Amino acid sequence: MLTSSLHKALFYNLLSLSCFVLAACGDVYKIGVGIADITGPAAEINMMGYAQIGQRT
């Protein structure tokens, strides 16, 4: 059986190896670099609810 310290050493070695492999793969996902707005137009839309009929944003 492996001792506790050997378990820790194996874990940290595998963790380090996986970090190096992931870093070598490159940037697959570019999080936070988008400049597009997916919410749609923000102006000249009819308001719903308690607004007046002719009121626009």
PDB file of N, CA and C in Angstrom:
ATOM      1  N   MET A   1       0.827  -1.192   0.000  1.00  0.00           N
ATOM      2  CA  MET A   1       0.000   0.000   0.000  1.00  0.00           C
ATOM      3  C   MET A   1       0.868   1.252   0.000  1.00  0.00           C
ATOM      4  N   LEU A   2       0.339   2.280  -0.616  1.00  0.00           N
ATOM      5  CA  LEU A   2       1.067   3.545  -0.644  1.00  0.00           C
ATOM      6  C   LEU A   2       0.825   4.311   0.642  1.00  0.00           C
ATOM      7  N   THR A   3       1.832   4.965   1.106  1.00  0.00           N
ATOM      8  CA  THR A   3       1.689   5.771   2.314  1.00  0.00           C
ATOM      9  C   THR A   3       1.058   7.104   1.972  1.00  0.00           C
ATOM     10  N   SER A   4       0.702   7.843   2.991  1.00  0.00           N
ATOM     11  CA  SER A   4       0.046   9.131   2.803  1.00  0.00           C
ATOM     12  C   SER A   4       0.951  10.117   2.065  1.00  0.00           C
ATOM     13  N   SER A   5       2.219  10.148   2.402  1.00  0.00           N
ATOM     14  CA  SER A   5       3.130  11.089   1.741  1.00  0.00           C
ATOM     15  C   SER A   5       3.335  10.709   0.280  1.00  0.00           C
ATOM     16  N   LEU A   6       3.318   9.406  -0.015  1.00  0.00           N
ATOM     17  CA  LEU A   6       3.453   8.971  -1.402  1.00  0.00           C
ATOM     18  C   LEU A   6       2.198   9.309  -2.198  1.00  0.00           C
ATOM     19  N   HIS A   7       1.042   9.225  -1.556  1.00  0.00           N
ATOM     20  CA  HIS A   7      -0.215   9.632  -2.188  1.00  0.00           C
ATOM     21  C   HIS A   7      -0.168  11.116  -2.540  1.00  0.00           C
ATOM     22  N   LYS A   8       0.291  11.929  -1.607  1.00  0.00           N
ATOM     23  CA  LYS A   8       0.371  13.375  -1.847  1.00  0.00           C
ATOM     24  C   LYS A   8       1.341  13.685  -2.974  1.00  0.00           C
ATOM     25  N   ALA A   9       2.484  13.030  -2.987  1.00  0.00           N
ATOM     26  CA  ALA A   9       3.477  13.269  -4.035  1.00  0.00           C
ATOM     27  C   ALA A   9       2.919  12.870  -5.394  1.00  0.00           C
ATOM     28  N   LEU A  10       2.234  11.749  -5.467  1.00  0.00           N
ATOM     29  CA  LEU A  10       1.632  11.311  -6.723  1.00  0.00           C
ATOM     30  C   LEU A  10       0.558  12.286  -7.182  1.00  0.00           C
ATOM     31  N   PHE A  11      -0.257  12.750  -6.251  1.00  0.00           N
ATOM     32  CA  PHE A  11      -1.309  13.708  -6.575  1.00  0.00           C
ATOM     33  C   PHE A  11      -0.730  15.004  -7.133  1.00  0.00           C
ATOM     34  N   TYR A  12       0.279  15.551  -6.466  1.00  0.00           N
ATOM     35  CA  TYR A  12       0.865  16.811  -6.918  1.00  0.00           C
ATOM     36  C   TYR A  12       1.592  16.651  -8.249  1.00  0.00           C
ATOM     37  N   ASN A  13       2.203  15.513  -8.473  1.00  0.00           N
ATOM     38  CA  ASN A  13       2.849  15.269  -9.766  1.00  0.00           C
ATOM     39  C   ASN A  13       1.823  15.195 -10.886  1.00  0.00           C
ATOM     40  N   LEU A  14       0.721  14.503 -10.648  1.00  0.00           N
ATOM     41  CA  LEU A  14      -0.333  14.431 -11.662  1.00  0.00           C
ATOM     42  C   LEU A  14      -0.995  15.784 -11.882  1.00  0.00           C
ATOM     43  N   LEU A  15      -1.160  16.539 -10.817  1.00  0.00           N
ATOM     44  CA  LEU A  15      -1.734  17.879 -10.940  1.00  0.00           C
ATOM     45  C   LEU A  15      -0.824  18.784 -11.765  1.00  0.00           C
ATOM     46  N   SER A  16       0.459  18.743 -11.496  1.00  0.00           N
ATOM     47  CA  SER A  16       1.420  19.551 -12.255  1.00  0.00           C
ATOM     48  C   SER A  16       1.447  19.139 -13.716  1.00  0.00           C
ATOM     49  N   LEU A  17       1.433  17.838 -13.961  1.00  0.00           N
ATOM     50  CA  LEU A  17       1.446  17.342 -15.333  1.00  0.00           C
ATOM     51  C   LEU A  17       0.203  17.786 -16.085  1.00  0.00           C
ATOM     52  N   SER A  18      -0.954  17.717 -15.441  1.00  0.00           N
ATOM     53  CA  SER A  18      -2.184  18.133 -16.114  1.00  0.00           C
ATOM     54  C   SER A  18      -2.182  19.634 -16.387  1.00  0.00           C
ATOM     55  N   CYS A  19      -1.606  20.434 -15.493  1.00  0.00           N
ATOM     56  CA  CYS A  19      -1.515  21.879 -15.731  1.00  0.00           C
ATOM     57  C   CYS A  19      -0.622  22.179 -16.928  1.00  0.00           C
ATOM     58  N   PHE A  20       0.491  21.477 -17.035  1.00  0.00           N
ATOM     59  CA  PHE A  20       1.380  21.685 -18.174  1.00  0.00           C
ATOM     60  C   PHE A  20       0.720  21.259 -19.477  1.00  0.00           C
ATOM     61  N   VAL A  21      -0.008  20.169 -19.455  1.00  0.00           N
ATOM     62  CA  VAL A  21      -0.685  19.690 -20.664  1.00  0.00           C
ATOM     63  C   VAL A  21      -1.761  20.678 -21.086  1.00  0.00           C
ATOM     64  N   LEU A  22      -2.541  21.175 -20.136  1.00  0.00           N
ATOM     65  CA  LEU A  22      -3.587  22.142 -20.469  1.00  0.00           C
ATOM     66  C   LEU A  22      -2.999  23.455 -20.966  1.00  0.00           C
ATOM     67  N   ALA A  23      -1.884  23.871 -20.422  1.00  0.00           N
ATOM     68  CA  ALA A  23      -1.244  25.105 -20.876  1.00  0.00           C
ATOM     69  C   ALA A  23      -0.686  24.942 -22.282  1.00  0.00           C
ATOM     70  N   ALA A  24      -0.239  23.744 -22.624  1.00  0.00           N
ATOM     71  CA  ALA A  24       0.323  23.501 -23.948  1.00  0.00           C
ATOM     72  C   ALA A  24      -0.756  23.422 -25.018  1.00  0.00           C
ATOM     73  N   CYS A  25      -1.997  23.154 -24.621  1.00  0.00           N
ATOM     74  CA  CYS A  25      -3.091  23.017 -25.591  1.00  0.00           C
ATOM     75  C   CYS A  25      -3.480  24.360 -26.193  1.00  0.00           C
ATOM     76  N   GLY A  26      -3.185  25.433 -25.550  1.00  0.00           N
ATOM     77  CA  GLY A  26      -3.526  26.752 -26.073  1.00  0.00           C
ATOM     78  C   GLY A  26      -4.867  27.230 -25.542  1.00  0.00           C
ATOM     79  N   ASP A  27      -5.286  28.389 -26.019  1.00  0.00           N
ATOM     80  CA  ASP A  27      -6.547  28.973 -25.576  1.00  0.00           C
ATOM     81  C   ASP A  27      -7.680  28.466 -26.446  1.00  0.00           C
ATOM     82  N   VAL A  28      -8.448  27.552 -25.919  1.00  0.00           N
ATOM     83  CA  VAL A  28      -9.593  27.038 -26.653  1.00  0.00           C
ATOM     84  C   VAL A  28     -10.781  27.965 -26.455  1.00  0.00           C
ATOM     85  N   TYR A  29     -11.013  28.370 -25.218  1.00  0.00           N
ATOM     86  CA  TYR A  29     -12.105  29.274 -24.906  1.00  0.00           C
ATOM     87  C   TYR A  29     -11.532  30.647 -24.592  1.00  0.00           C
ATOM     88  N   LYS A  30     -12.103  31.667 -25.191  1.00  0.00           N
ATOM     89  CA  LYS A  30     -11.660  33.034 -24.929  1.00  0.00           C
ATOM     90  C   LYS A  30     -12.756  33.728 -24.132  1.00  0.00           C
ATOM     91  N   ILE A  31     -12.672  33.600 -22.842  1.00  0.00           N
ATOM     92  CA  ILE A  31     -13.712  34.116 -21.958  1.00  0.00           C
ATOM     93  C   ILE A  31     -13.457  35.588 -21.679  1.00  0.00           C
ATOM     94  N   GLY A  32     -14.471  36.405 -21.886  1.00  0.00           N
ATOM     95  CA  GLY A  32     -14.375  37.815 -21.569  1.00  0.00           C
ATOM     96  C   GLY A  32     -13.771  38.675 -22.658  1.00  0.00           C
ATOM     97  N   VAL A  33     -13.589  38.151 -23.871  1.00  0.00           N
ATOM     98  CA  VAL A  33     -12.982  38.954 -24.924  1.00  0.00           C
ATOM     99  C   VAL A  33     -13.998  39.385 -25.974  1.00  0.00           C
ATOM    100  N   GLY A  34     -15.255  38.988 -25.812  1.00  0.00           N
ATOM    101  CA  GLY A  34     -16.275  39.349 -26.797  1.00  0.00           C
ATOM    102  C   GLY A  34     -16.717  40.792 -26.647  1.00  0.00           C
ATOM    103  N   ILE A  35     -17.073  41.424 -27.759  1.00  0.00           N
ATOM    104  CA  ILE A  35     -17.549  42.802 -27.706  1.00  0.00           C
ATOM    105  C   ILE A  35     -18.977  42.917 -28.227  1.00  0.00           C
ATOM    106  N   ALA A  36     -19.617  41.789 -28.537  1.00  0.00           N
ATOM    107  CA  ALA A  36     -20.968  41.812 -29.077  1.00  0.00           C
ATOM    108  C   ALA A  36     -21.993  41.876 -27.953  1.00  0.00           C
ATOM    109  N   ASP A  37     -23.144  42.437 -28.269  1.00  0.00           N
ATOM    110  CA  ASP A  37     -24.244  42.515 -27.317  1.00  0.00           C
ATOM    111  C   ASP A  37     -25.346  41.585 -27.799  1.00  0.00           C
ATOM    112  N   ILE A  38     -25.717  40.610 -26.986  1.00  0.00           N
ATOM    113  CA  ILE A  38     -26.725  39.653 -27.419  1.00  0.00           C
ATOM    114  C   ILE A  38     -28.112  39.990 -26.892  1.00  0.00           C
ATOM    115  N   THR A  39     -28.265  41.124 -26.230  1.00  0.00           N
ATOM    116  CA  THR A  39     -29.550  41.460 -25.626  1.00  0.00           C
ATOM    117  C   THR A  39     -30.504  42.129 -26.598  1.00  0.00           C
ATOM    118  N   GLY A  40     -30.051  42.470 -27.779  1.00  0.00           N
ATOM    119  CA  GLY A  40     -30.930  43.103 -28.756  1.00  0.00           C
ATOM    120  C   GLY A  40     -30.874  44.615 -28.662  1.00  0.00           C
ATOM    121  N   PRO A  41     -31.663  45.279 -29.479  1.00  0.00           N
ATOM    122  CA  PRO A  41     -31.643  46.737 -29.493  1.00  0.00           C
ATOM    123  C   PRO A  41     -32.176  47.313 -28.182  1.00  0.00           C
ATOM    124  N   ALA A  42     -31.537  48.373 -27.737  1.00  0.00           N
ATOM    125  CA  ALA A  42     -31.923  48.974 -26.461  1.00  0.00           C
ATOM    126  C   ALA A  42     -32.752  50.234 -26.631  1.00  0.00           C
ATOM    127  N   ALA A  43     -32.942  50.696 -27.845  1.00  0.00           N
ATOM    128  CA  ALA A  43     -33.652  51.951 -28.062  1.00  0.00           C
ATOM    129  C   ALA A  43     -34.809  51.762 -29.033  1.00  0.00           C
ATOM    130  N   GLU A  44     -35.777  52.644 -28.918  1.00  0.00           N
ATOM    131  CA  GLU A  44     -36.950  52.680 -29.786  1.00  0.00           C
ATOM    132  C   GLU A  44     -37.769  51.392 -29.737  1.00  0.00           C
ATOM    133  N   ILE A  45     -37.850  50.793 -28.574  1.00  0.00           N
ATOM    134  CA  ILE A  45     -38.662  49.599 -28.370  1.00  0.00           C
ATOM    135  C   ILE A  45     -39.868  50.001 -27.528  1.00  0.00           C
ATOM    136  N   ASN A  46     -41.046  49.536 -27.914  1.00  0.00           N
ATOM    137  CA  ASN A  46     -42.241  49.841 -27.129  1.00  0.00           C
ATOM    138  C   ASN A  46     -42.113  49.233 -25.743  1.00  0.00           C
ATOM    139  N   MET A  47     -42.520  50.012 -24.739  1.00  0.00           N
ATOM    140  CA  MET A  47     -42.443  49.529 -23.364  1.00  0.00           C
ATOM    141  C   MET A  47     -43.738  48.804 -23.025  1.00  0.00           C
ATOM    142  N   MET A  48     -43.635  47.737 -22.288  1.00  0.00           N
ATOM    143  CA  MET A  48     -44.809  46.971 -21.872  1.00  0.00           C
ATOM    144  C   MET A  48     -45.078  47.239 -20.391  1.00  0.00           C
ATOM    145  N   GLY A  49     -46.294  47.043 -19.977  1.00  0.00           N
ATOM    146  CA  GLY A  49     -46.609  47.205 -18.563  1.00  0.00           C
ATOM    147  C   GLY A  49     -47.361  48.492 -18.310  1.00  0.00           C
ATOM    148  N   TYR A  50     -46.875  49.308 -17.376  1.00  0.00           N
ATOM    149  CA  TYR A  50     -47.586  50.506 -16.946  1.00  0.00           C
ATOM    150  C   TYR A  50     -47.170  51.761 -17.712  1.00  0.00           C
ATOM    151  N   ALA A  51     -46.505  51.619 -18.843  1.00  0.00           N
ATOM    152  CA  ALA A  51     -46.073  52.784 -19.626  1.00  0.00           C
ATOM    153  C   ALA A  51     -47.243  53.320 -20.441  1.00  0.00           C
ATOM    154  N   GLN A  52     -47.095  54.535 -20.913  1.00  0.00           N
ATOM    155  CA  GLN A  52     -48.098  55.101 -21.802  1.00  0.00           C
ATOM    156  C   GLN A  52     -47.920  54.485 -23.187  1.00  0.00           C
ATOM    157  N   ILE A  53     -48.971  54.434 -23.986  1.00  0.00           N
ATOM    158  CA  ILE A  53     -48.937  53.751 -25.280  1.00  0.00           C
ATOM    159  C   ILE A  53     -47.889  54.346 -26.211  1.00  0.00           C
ATOM    160  N   GLY A  54     -47.758  55.632 -26.289  1.00  0.00           N
ATOM    161  CA  GLY A  54     -46.809  56.263 -27.195  1.00  0.00           C
ATOM    162  C   GLY A  54     -45.392  56.374 -26.655  1.00  0.00           C
ATOM    163  N   GLN A  55     -45.178  55.940 -25.441  1.00  0.00           N
ATOM    164  CA  GLN A  55     -43.869  56.098 -24.810  1.00  0.00           C
ATOM    165  C   GLN A  55     -42.856  55.115 -25.391  1.00  0.00           C
ATOM    166  N   ARG A  56     -41.660  55.644 -25.664  1.00  0.00           N
ATOM    167  CA  ARG A  56     -40.565  54.808 -26.154  1.00  0.00           C
ATOM    168  C   ARG A  56     -39.373  54.976 -25.219  1.00  0.00           C
ATOM    169  N   THR A  57     -38.475  53.993 -25.253  1.00  0.00           N
ATOM    170  CA  THR A  57     -37.311  54.053 -24.373  1.00  0.00           C
ATOM    171  C   THR A  57     -36.294  55.045 -24.874  1.00  0.00           C
TER     172      THR A  57
END
